[in-house]
Protein backbone atom coordinates (compact mmCIF):
# COMPACT_ATOMS: atom_id res chain seq x y z
CA MET A 1 64.92 7.41 -59.50
CA ARG A 2 65.47 4.78 -61.97
CA SER A 3 64.92 5.92 -65.94
CA SER A 4 63.05 3.68 -67.86
CA ILE A 5 64.16 2.48 -70.85
CA LEU A 6 61.31 1.46 -73.58
CA VAL A 7 63.26 -1.39 -76.27
CA PRO A 8 61.16 -1.47 -79.11
CA PHE A 9 59.32 -4.94 -79.83
CA THR A 10 59.14 -6.65 -82.80
CA PHE A 11 56.40 -9.39 -83.61
CA ARG A 12 57.81 -12.06 -85.00
CA PRO A 13 55.14 -15.17 -86.07
CA ARG A 14 55.90 -18.48 -84.94
CA PRO A 15 56.16 -21.33 -87.20
CA ALA A 16 52.83 -23.48 -87.81
CA ARG A 17 54.94 -26.62 -85.93
CA ALA A 18 55.89 -24.62 -82.95
CA ARG A 19 52.26 -23.57 -82.86
CA ARG A 20 50.91 -27.00 -83.12
CA THR A 21 53.33 -28.31 -80.30
CA SER A 22 52.14 -25.73 -77.57
CA THR A 23 48.09 -26.48 -78.80
CA TRP A 24 49.10 -30.21 -77.59
CA TRP A 25 50.50 -28.95 -74.42
CA ALA A 26 47.60 -27.07 -73.83
CA LEU A 27 45.51 -30.17 -74.44
CA ALA A 28 47.59 -32.18 -72.52
CA LEU A 29 47.52 -29.94 -69.36
CA THR A 30 44.19 -29.49 -69.17
CA LEU A 31 43.14 -32.79 -69.57
CA ALA A 32 45.21 -33.45 -66.35
CA ALA A 33 43.67 -30.85 -64.66
CA LEU A 34 40.32 -32.47 -65.56
CA LEU A 35 41.24 -35.85 -64.45
CA GLY A 36 42.89 -34.66 -61.19
CA ALA A 37 40.73 -32.33 -60.03
CA PRO A 38 38.68 -34.96 -58.10
CA VAL A 39 40.94 -36.21 -56.12
CA LEU A 40 42.43 -32.91 -55.43
CA ARG A 41 38.98 -31.79 -54.00
CA ALA A 42 38.70 -34.97 -51.69
CA GLN A 43 42.13 -34.51 -50.26
CA GLN A 44 40.78 -30.71 -49.07
CA ALA A 45 37.62 -32.61 -47.98
CA ALA A 46 39.59 -34.56 -46.02
CA ASP A 47 41.83 -32.17 -44.73
CA GLY A 48 39.71 -29.21 -43.51
CA ALA A 49 37.01 -32.02 -42.26
CA ASP A 50 37.16 -31.37 -38.73
CA PRO A 51 37.19 -27.21 -39.07
CA ASP A 52 34.24 -27.00 -40.74
CA LYS A 53 32.33 -29.65 -38.75
CA GLN A 54 33.56 -27.56 -35.62
CA THR A 55 31.97 -24.66 -37.60
CA ILE A 56 28.91 -26.21 -38.16
CA GLN A 57 28.70 -27.12 -35.14
CA MET A 58 29.03 -23.79 -33.94
CA LEU A 59 26.79 -22.43 -36.12
CA VAL A 60 24.10 -24.93 -34.80
CA ARG A 61 24.64 -24.05 -31.47
CA ARG A 62 24.12 -20.30 -32.54
CA VAL A 63 21.27 -20.75 -34.13
CA GLU A 64 19.61 -22.51 -31.10
CA GLN A 65 20.82 -19.79 -28.72
CA LEU A 66 19.53 -17.25 -30.85
CA GLU A 67 15.70 -19.22 -31.44
CA ALA A 68 15.51 -19.52 -27.63
CA ARG A 69 16.27 -15.79 -26.97
CA VAL A 70 13.58 -14.75 -29.42
CA ALA A 71 11.08 -17.54 -27.65
CA GLN A 72 11.99 -15.68 -24.36
CA LEU A 73 11.68 -12.57 -25.75
CA GLU A 74 8.43 -13.03 -27.32
CA SER A 75 7.25 -14.86 -23.46
CA ALA A 76 8.23 -11.84 -22.05
CA LYS A 77 6.62 -9.52 -24.38
CA SER A 78 3.65 -11.36 -23.94
CA SER A 79 3.39 -11.64 -20.08
CA ALA A 80 3.80 -7.69 -19.93
CA ALA A 81 1.30 -7.05 -22.89
CA ALA A 82 -1.10 -9.39 -20.53
CA ALA A 83 -0.66 -7.76 -16.85
CA ALA A 84 -0.63 -4.21 -18.48
CA PRO A 85 -4.30 -2.24 -18.17
CA ALA A 86 -7.18 -2.66 -21.57
CA GLN A 87 -6.17 0.76 -22.11
CA ALA A 88 -2.57 0.95 -21.84
CA PRO A 89 -0.78 1.19 -25.11
CA ALA A 90 1.09 -1.50 -26.61
CA PRO A 91 4.64 -1.22 -25.65
CA SER A 92 6.70 -0.32 -28.85
CA PRO A 93 8.97 -2.88 -30.52
CA ALA A 94 12.17 -3.72 -30.09
CA PRO A 95 14.81 -1.17 -32.16
CA ALA A 96 16.09 -3.08 -35.21
CA SER A 97 19.37 -2.24 -33.96
CA ALA A 98 18.26 -4.23 -30.51
CA PRO A 99 21.40 -6.87 -29.72
CA ALA A 100 18.86 -9.69 -30.52
CA GLU A 101 21.95 -12.26 -30.93
CA THR A 102 22.67 -12.51 -27.32
CA PRO A 103 22.59 -15.82 -26.02
CA ALA A 104 20.39 -16.77 -22.99
CA ALA A 105 22.12 -17.56 -20.05
CA GLY A 106 22.74 -20.44 -18.24
CA PRO A 107 21.64 -21.47 -14.46
CA ALA A 108 25.54 -21.18 -13.94
CA GLU A 109 25.46 -17.46 -15.36
CA GLU A 110 22.40 -16.28 -13.56
CA SER A 111 23.20 -16.86 -10.49
CA GLU A 112 26.69 -15.17 -11.66
CA THR A 113 25.22 -12.43 -13.10
CA LYS A 114 22.44 -12.16 -9.77
CA SER A 115 25.89 -11.54 -7.47
CA ALA A 116 26.81 -9.28 -9.58
CA HIS A 117 24.08 -7.60 -9.91
CA THR A 118 23.70 -7.40 -5.89
CA MET A 119 26.93 -6.01 -5.09
CA ALA A 120 27.14 -3.69 -7.88
CA GLU A 121 23.97 -2.02 -5.81
CA ARG A 122 25.75 -2.09 -2.79
CA MET A 123 28.76 -0.57 -4.13
CA ASP A 124 26.47 2.26 -6.20
CA THR A 125 26.05 5.64 -4.29
CA SER A 126 22.97 6.08 -6.38
CA ASN A 127 21.26 2.28 -4.81
CA THR A 128 23.14 2.46 -1.61
CA LEU A 129 22.13 1.14 1.51
CA LEU A 130 23.52 3.36 3.76
CA ARG A 131 20.89 5.59 5.67
CA ILE A 132 21.47 8.43 8.26
CA ARG A 133 19.11 10.02 10.18
CA GLY A 134 20.22 13.43 11.88
CA PHE A 135 19.17 14.87 15.30
CA GLY A 136 20.16 18.05 16.84
CA ASP A 137 18.76 21.30 19.42
CA VAL A 138 19.37 24.52 20.24
CA ASN A 139 19.11 25.69 24.11
CA LEU A 140 18.04 28.39 26.10
CA HIS A 141 18.78 28.41 30.07
CA GLY A 142 19.76 29.98 32.60
CA GLY A 143 20.12 29.61 36.81
CA ASP A 144 20.82 30.73 40.52
CA GLN A 145 23.73 28.63 40.78
CA ARG A 146 27.34 30.74 41.91
CA GLY A 147 29.21 31.37 38.34
CA THR A 148 26.83 30.56 35.54
CA THR A 149 25.26 32.83 33.18
CA THR A 150 21.73 32.64 31.24
CA SER A 151 23.08 31.69 27.37
CA PHE A 152 21.66 30.16 24.39
CA ALA A 153 23.70 26.61 23.83
CA LEU A 154 23.94 24.62 20.71
CA GLY A 155 23.04 21.09 21.50
CA GLN A 156 24.55 18.30 19.76
CA LEU A 157 24.41 17.38 16.33
CA ASP A 158 24.38 13.61 16.08
CA LEU A 159 24.65 12.22 13.16
CA PHE A 160 23.26 7.99 13.73
CA VAL A 161 24.06 6.02 10.61
CA THR A 162 23.52 2.59 9.27
CA SER A 163 24.26 0.21 6.37
CA ASP A 164 23.22 -3.40 5.45
CA VAL A 165 26.46 -4.54 4.93
CA SER A 166 25.26 -8.14 3.90
CA GLU A 167 21.40 -9.78 5.17
CA LYS A 168 23.04 -10.66 8.37
CA PHE A 169 25.64 -7.60 8.64
CA LYS A 170 24.94 -4.72 9.44
CA ILE A 171 27.15 -1.26 10.65
CA LEU A 172 25.68 1.11 12.69
CA SER A 173 27.49 4.19 14.19
CA GLU A 174 26.77 7.81 15.67
CA ILE A 175 28.61 10.88 14.90
CA VAL A 176 28.17 13.49 17.46
CA PHE A 177 29.51 16.88 16.57
CA GLU A 178 29.19 19.29 19.77
CA ALA A 179 30.47 22.36 21.90
CA ASP A 180 32.93 22.55 25.14
CA PRO A 181 32.26 24.96 27.82
CA THR A 182 34.97 26.85 26.25
CA ASN A 183 32.96 27.22 23.02
CA SER A 184 34.93 25.16 21.00
CA PHE A 185 33.24 22.33 18.83
CA GLY A 186 34.94 18.76 18.37
CA VAL A 187 33.83 15.74 16.85
CA ASP A 188 33.06 12.42 18.46
CA ILE A 189 32.55 8.46 17.34
CA GLU A 190 30.04 7.62 20.47
CA ARG A 191 28.88 4.75 18.44
CA LEU A 192 30.75 2.55 16.39
CA LEU A 193 29.81 -1.41 15.87
CA LEU A 194 29.32 -4.31 13.18
CA GLN A 195 26.61 -6.17 14.07
CA TYR A 196 26.24 -9.58 13.01
CA SER A 197 22.51 -11.14 13.38
CA PRO A 198 21.88 -14.79 12.11
CA ASN A 199 18.87 -15.06 14.07
CA ASP A 200 16.65 -13.65 17.04
CA TYR A 201 18.96 -15.88 20.02
CA PHE A 202 21.97 -14.50 19.01
CA ASN A 203 23.63 -11.36 17.90
CA LEU A 204 27.09 -10.35 17.75
CA SER A 205 28.62 -6.60 17.85
CA ALA A 206 31.96 -5.56 17.83
CA GLY A 207 33.16 -1.40 18.03
CA ARG A 208 32.19 1.10 20.32
CA PHE A 209 29.02 0.51 22.43
CA HIS A 210 26.72 2.09 25.31
CA THR A 211 27.23 0.32 27.99
CA ALA A 212 23.78 -2.08 29.11
CA ILE A 213 23.82 -0.98 32.35
CA GLY A 214 20.18 -0.88 33.66
CA TYR A 215 17.70 0.61 30.88
CA TYR A 216 17.84 4.25 30.23
CA ASN A 217 21.51 3.79 29.04
CA THR A 218 20.22 1.44 25.84
CA ALA A 219 17.21 2.67 25.33
CA TYR A 220 18.34 6.67 24.68
CA HIS A 221 21.45 7.03 23.28
CA HIS A 222 22.67 10.83 22.06
CA SER A 223 19.60 12.60 20.82
CA THR A 224 17.56 14.98 22.89
CA TRP A 225 14.69 14.82 20.47
CA LEU A 226 14.07 10.93 21.29
CA GLN A 227 14.05 11.55 25.63
CA THR A 228 10.73 13.22 27.41
CA ALA A 229 13.11 15.39 28.99
CA THR A 230 15.72 18.27 28.01
CA GLY A 231 18.24 15.89 29.67
CA ARG A 232 19.28 12.61 30.59
CA PRO A 233 19.33 11.64 34.73
CA PHE A 234 22.17 12.62 36.32
CA LEU A 235 22.96 8.93 37.06
CA PHE A 236 23.20 8.35 33.26
CA ASN A 237 24.85 11.49 32.16
CA PHE A 238 28.07 10.85 29.75
CA GLU A 239 31.60 10.78 31.06
CA ASP A 240 32.67 13.86 29.84
CA ASN A 241 29.44 15.55 31.12
CA GLY A 242 30.55 14.35 35.34
CA GLY A 243 28.61 11.59 35.16
CA PRO A 244 29.63 8.85 37.38
CA LEU A 245 28.95 5.74 34.97
CA PRO A 246 31.17 3.87 32.43
CA ILE A 247 28.58 4.76 29.80
CA HIS A 248 30.83 3.84 26.68
CA ASN A 249 32.61 0.73 26.18
CA VAL A 250 34.82 -0.86 23.55
CA GLY A 251 34.74 -4.28 23.10
CA ILE A 252 32.05 -6.80 22.48
CA SER A 253 28.68 -7.80 22.79
CA ALA A 254 26.37 -10.65 22.19
CA THR A 255 22.26 -10.20 23.40
CA GLY A 256 19.51 -12.38 22.04
CA LEU A 257 15.91 -14.04 23.08
CA ILE A 258 15.87 -16.89 25.60
CA PRO A 259 13.62 -19.56 24.84
CA SER A 260 10.64 -18.29 27.78
CA GLY A 261 7.26 -18.50 26.24
CA HIS A 262 5.40 -15.76 26.92
CA LEU A 263 7.72 -14.56 29.44
CA GLY A 264 10.24 -12.19 26.97
CA LEU A 265 13.46 -13.44 28.34
CA HIS A 266 16.42 -11.44 26.97
CA TYR A 267 19.81 -11.87 28.01
CA VAL A 268 22.94 -9.36 27.06
CA ALA A 269 26.82 -10.15 27.44
CA GLU A 270 29.74 -7.70 27.44
CA VAL A 271 33.47 -7.70 27.54
CA GLY A 272 35.76 -4.47 26.63
CA ASN A 273 38.16 -1.97 28.16
CA GLY A 274 36.13 -0.37 30.44
CA ARG A 275 36.90 3.22 32.11
CA ALA A 276 40.31 5.02 32.33
CA SER A 277 41.36 5.48 35.85
CA ARG A 278 45.16 6.35 35.99
CA SER A 279 44.52 10.36 35.54
CA PRO A 280 41.14 12.65 35.85
CA LEU A 281 42.25 14.01 32.86
CA ALA A 282 42.64 11.55 30.63
CA GLU A 283 39.53 10.16 28.19
CA ALA A 284 37.62 8.04 30.00
CA VAL A 285 36.52 5.72 27.32
CA GLN A 286 39.99 3.99 26.52
CA ASN A 287 39.52 3.72 22.62
CA VAL A 288 42.66 2.11 21.81
CA VAL A 289 44.58 0.94 24.60
CA ASP A 290 43.69 -0.47 27.84
CA GLU A 291 45.07 0.62 30.99
CA ASN A 292 45.44 -3.07 32.13
CA ASN A 293 45.05 -6.49 30.98
CA GLY A 294 41.94 -6.93 32.74
CA LYS A 295 38.63 -6.65 30.82
CA ALA A 296 35.50 -5.22 32.08
CA VAL A 297 32.08 -7.37 31.71
CA ASN A 298 28.71 -6.84 32.16
CA PHE A 299 25.55 -8.87 32.26
CA ALA A 300 22.05 -8.60 32.16
CA LEU A 301 18.57 -10.21 31.69
CA PHE A 302 15.19 -8.73 31.55
CA VAL A 303 11.83 -9.71 30.39
CA GLN A 304 9.34 -8.10 28.11
CA PRO A 305 6.04 -10.07 28.93
CA GLU A 306 3.08 -10.06 26.77
CA ALA A 307 0.40 -10.03 29.71
CA VAL A 308 1.76 -6.83 30.08
CA ARG A 309 2.27 -4.42 27.19
CA GLY A 310 4.93 -1.97 27.74
CA LEU A 311 6.21 -3.35 30.66
CA GLN A 312 10.20 -4.26 30.83
CA ALA A 313 12.13 -5.20 33.94
CA GLY A 314 15.06 -6.26 34.74
CA PHE A 315 18.84 -6.25 35.78
CA SER A 316 22.51 -5.92 35.32
CA ALA A 317 25.79 -6.61 37.14
CA TYR A 318 29.02 -4.88 35.78
CA HIS A 319 32.63 -5.46 36.93
CA ASP A 320 35.85 -4.33 36.52
CA HIS A 321 39.44 -3.49 38.06
CA LEU A 322 40.94 -0.23 38.07
CA THR A 323 44.55 0.67 38.38
CA PRO A 324 45.19 4.68 39.28
CA ILE A 325 48.85 5.39 38.84
CA GLY A 326 50.34 5.73 42.61
CA SER A 327 47.42 4.23 44.24
CA PRO A 328 46.28 0.95 44.96
CA GLY A 329 44.01 -0.82 42.65
CA ILE A 330 40.14 -0.38 42.90
CA GLY A 331 37.27 -3.35 42.16
CA GLU A 332 34.71 -1.64 40.66
CA LEU A 333 31.08 -3.62 40.59
CA ILE A 334 27.65 -1.64 39.78
CA PHE A 335 24.60 -3.78 40.27
CA ASP A 336 21.24 -1.87 38.43
CA ALA A 337 17.75 -3.04 38.61
CA TYR A 338 15.40 -1.25 36.93
CA GLY A 339 10.69 -1.62 36.37
CA VAL A 340 9.56 0.45 32.91
CA LEU A 341 6.25 1.07 31.42
CA ILE A 342 6.22 2.78 27.90
CA ARG A 343 3.26 3.04 26.14
CA PRO A 344 2.33 5.47 23.21
CA ASN A 345 0.33 7.86 25.96
CA PHE A 346 2.42 6.63 29.05
CA GLU A 347 5.37 6.86 30.63
CA TRP A 348 6.58 5.45 33.87
CA LEU A 349 10.62 4.70 34.38
CA ASN A 350 12.21 3.47 37.83
CA GLU A 351 15.54 2.58 38.18
CA ALA A 352 17.94 2.00 41.14
CA LEU A 353 21.77 0.88 41.40
CA LEU A 354 24.88 0.61 43.34
CA ILE A 355 28.36 1.95 42.70
CA ARG A 356 30.66 -0.65 44.96
CA HIS A 357 34.65 0.50 45.17
CA SER A 358 36.75 -1.72 46.97
CA ILE A 359 40.77 -0.57 48.13
CA ASP A 360 43.13 -3.87 46.96
CA HIS A 361 44.50 -5.18 50.05
CA SER A 362 42.43 -2.87 52.05
CA SER A 363 39.19 -3.52 54.01
CA ARG A 364 37.89 0.07 52.85
CA VAL A 365 34.97 -0.23 50.76
CA PHE A 366 32.58 2.78 49.23
CA ASN A 367 28.69 2.26 48.06
CA THR A 368 27.29 4.82 46.38
CA PRO A 369 23.50 4.49 45.73
CA GLY A 370 21.05 6.70 43.33
CA PHE A 371 17.68 6.28 41.79
CA TYR A 372 15.52 8.00 39.54
CA THR A 373 11.67 8.23 38.48
CA GLN A 374 10.18 9.17 35.72
CA LEU A 375 6.43 9.72 35.01
CA SER A 376 4.92 11.47 32.01
CA ARG A 377 1.18 11.40 30.45
CA ARG A 378 0.45 12.83 26.83
CA TRP A 379 -2.62 14.77 25.70
CA GLY A 380 -2.69 15.31 22.11
CA ALA A 381 0.57 17.18 21.22
CA TYR A 382 1.00 17.94 24.90
CA ARG A 383 3.01 15.84 27.56
CA PRO A 384 3.51 17.66 30.83
CA TYR A 385 6.44 15.07 32.79
CA PHE A 386 7.76 14.54 36.07
CA ARG A 387 11.18 13.39 37.23
CA TYR A 388 13.39 13.06 40.64
CA GLN A 389 16.68 11.66 41.02
CA PHE A 390 19.10 11.20 44.43
CA VAL A 391 22.59 10.21 44.50
CA ASN A 392 24.78 9.74 47.52
CA GLU A 393 28.46 9.58 47.43
CA ALA A 394 31.08 9.38 50.12
CA ASP A 395 32.95 12.45 50.12
CA ALA A 396 36.35 10.07 49.89
CA GLU A 397 35.14 8.38 46.76
CA PRO A 398 38.49 7.38 44.90
CA VAL A 399 37.03 7.43 41.78
CA PHE A 400 34.97 10.45 41.12
CA PRO A 401 35.03 12.74 44.28
CA ALA A 402 33.42 15.60 42.59
CA VAL A 403 29.70 14.37 43.26
CA GLY A 404 28.54 14.26 46.44
CA ARG A 405 25.20 13.62 47.44
CA ARG A 406 22.74 15.64 45.03
CA GLN A 407 18.94 15.02 44.60
CA GLY A 408 15.89 17.51 43.23
CA PRO A 409 12.94 16.86 40.82
CA SER A 410 12.30 18.11 37.72
CA VAL A 411 8.76 18.90 36.44
CA GLY A 412 8.39 19.84 32.32
CA LEU A 413 6.08 20.43 29.33
CA ARG A 414 7.06 18.78 26.23
CA PHE A 415 5.22 19.70 23.17
CA ASP A 416 5.66 18.12 19.75
CA ALA A 417 4.94 20.84 17.24
CA SER A 418 5.39 18.29 14.44
CA GLU A 419 6.26 14.91 13.76
CA SER A 420 10.15 16.14 13.55
CA VAL A 421 10.02 18.85 16.00
CA ALA A 422 9.77 19.20 19.80
CA LEU A 423 9.43 22.44 22.17
CA LYS A 424 10.34 21.13 25.85
CA LEU A 425 9.93 23.78 28.58
CA GLN A 426 11.81 22.27 32.20
CA TYR A 427 12.13 23.21 35.48
CA ASP A 428 15.39 21.86 37.98
CA ARG A 429 15.82 22.06 41.64
CA THR A 430 19.12 20.53 43.13
CA ASP A 431 20.02 20.33 46.49
CA LEU A 432 23.61 19.48 47.00
CA ARG A 433 25.62 18.15 50.38
CA HIS A 434 27.66 21.24 51.60
CA GLN A 435 26.83 23.32 49.00
CA PRO A 436 23.64 25.53 48.62
CA GLY A 437 21.04 24.15 46.13
CA TYR A 438 19.82 26.05 42.84
CA ASN A 439 17.11 26.42 40.58
CA THR A 440 17.24 26.18 36.89
CA LEU A 441 15.62 26.68 33.76
CA GLY A 442 15.35 25.71 30.82
CA LEU A 443 14.31 25.71 27.36
CA GLN A 444 14.98 23.05 24.17
CA LEU A 445 14.19 23.01 20.86
CA GLY A 446 14.67 19.62 19.28
CA PHE A 447 14.12 18.33 15.62
CA THR A 448 15.31 15.79 13.88
CA PHE A 449 15.70 15.34 10.17
């Protein structure tokens, strides 16, 4: 720390001559400053002309923007006051802390802001475009078939999920939780599609879908609540329930309206992996890997004439080539034709098909015909229904040998307890070839949420 040393100061007056000299110097310096001030100010003005001009222009633009913003707010306030009811209280003025200095946005900024707002809405979970609909059922069934027991059973829990990605793109999926005969639960993605729909004449989908073979497979998906009966016709049973058809496919599908006036002609064209055939224990739906390079194709046409309300009729043709291990390849053709009449209080479904398997490098051909018919009529909350089905498969059928020949009627009653709950009671009689027939009685509670 430095020490301060105080030095005594002694005032000594200057002589008069020195005081006069200092005074003359001060007067001279003051006069020079006064004469030089205009020059200095002119030089400063010349040096700072551009920054001041830019500042003034910015301030003018700012004022203009503020005036435009105030006019916009006053106009909106006047419109709101005019639209409000006469008895409604006048809106309270904006608080003094409101950011009134915000400039009005131009057309480009408004467009960018609108686009960002739309994207934020799609990403905001509180304002999401995702929609989920749930379906489920609980069953009680029993019969006299050998080896079966009377049991309660949980059906499928089906979460039907859709989302509008944009105006023309949409996501559709069905996620199903279901127990198997070992009482273990599993989760399956039954459908998962990205759909592009630019117009009524062309709609493209990619992913996993229900093959458009005939009518039932695309009219009724995995919800028993949507169906009149407790289950699907045997021909359209799902693959893991022993059904003979390739119900699911992975690939692309195109659908649309064909210009035909009042006839209402539509088309469906599909390309996908088809069903697996190398092993009976393999997953039937080839979700990731196709067992061969060939692809299954399906084409369908149907009409919905305006002259007959609720009528739809059509046909489809499906082709694939199967390559089982240790056996020759198999050509597969499936032809389907149908006619249905659906009205709010009346339902009549009729569908027939032929499954044709031909062995490569051989004349051996196996034909499996089948059909079903279903009739129902609604009186208030009650809808009695009747179904008869038939399928006749050759004993040596190489693809699904466990089907055989089966036929029989089903009689049931559906009671809609509410708009979201249905109770169904159904009796089935099944006659088999080379085996005794059996009877089944089932009670089903189906619901949606």
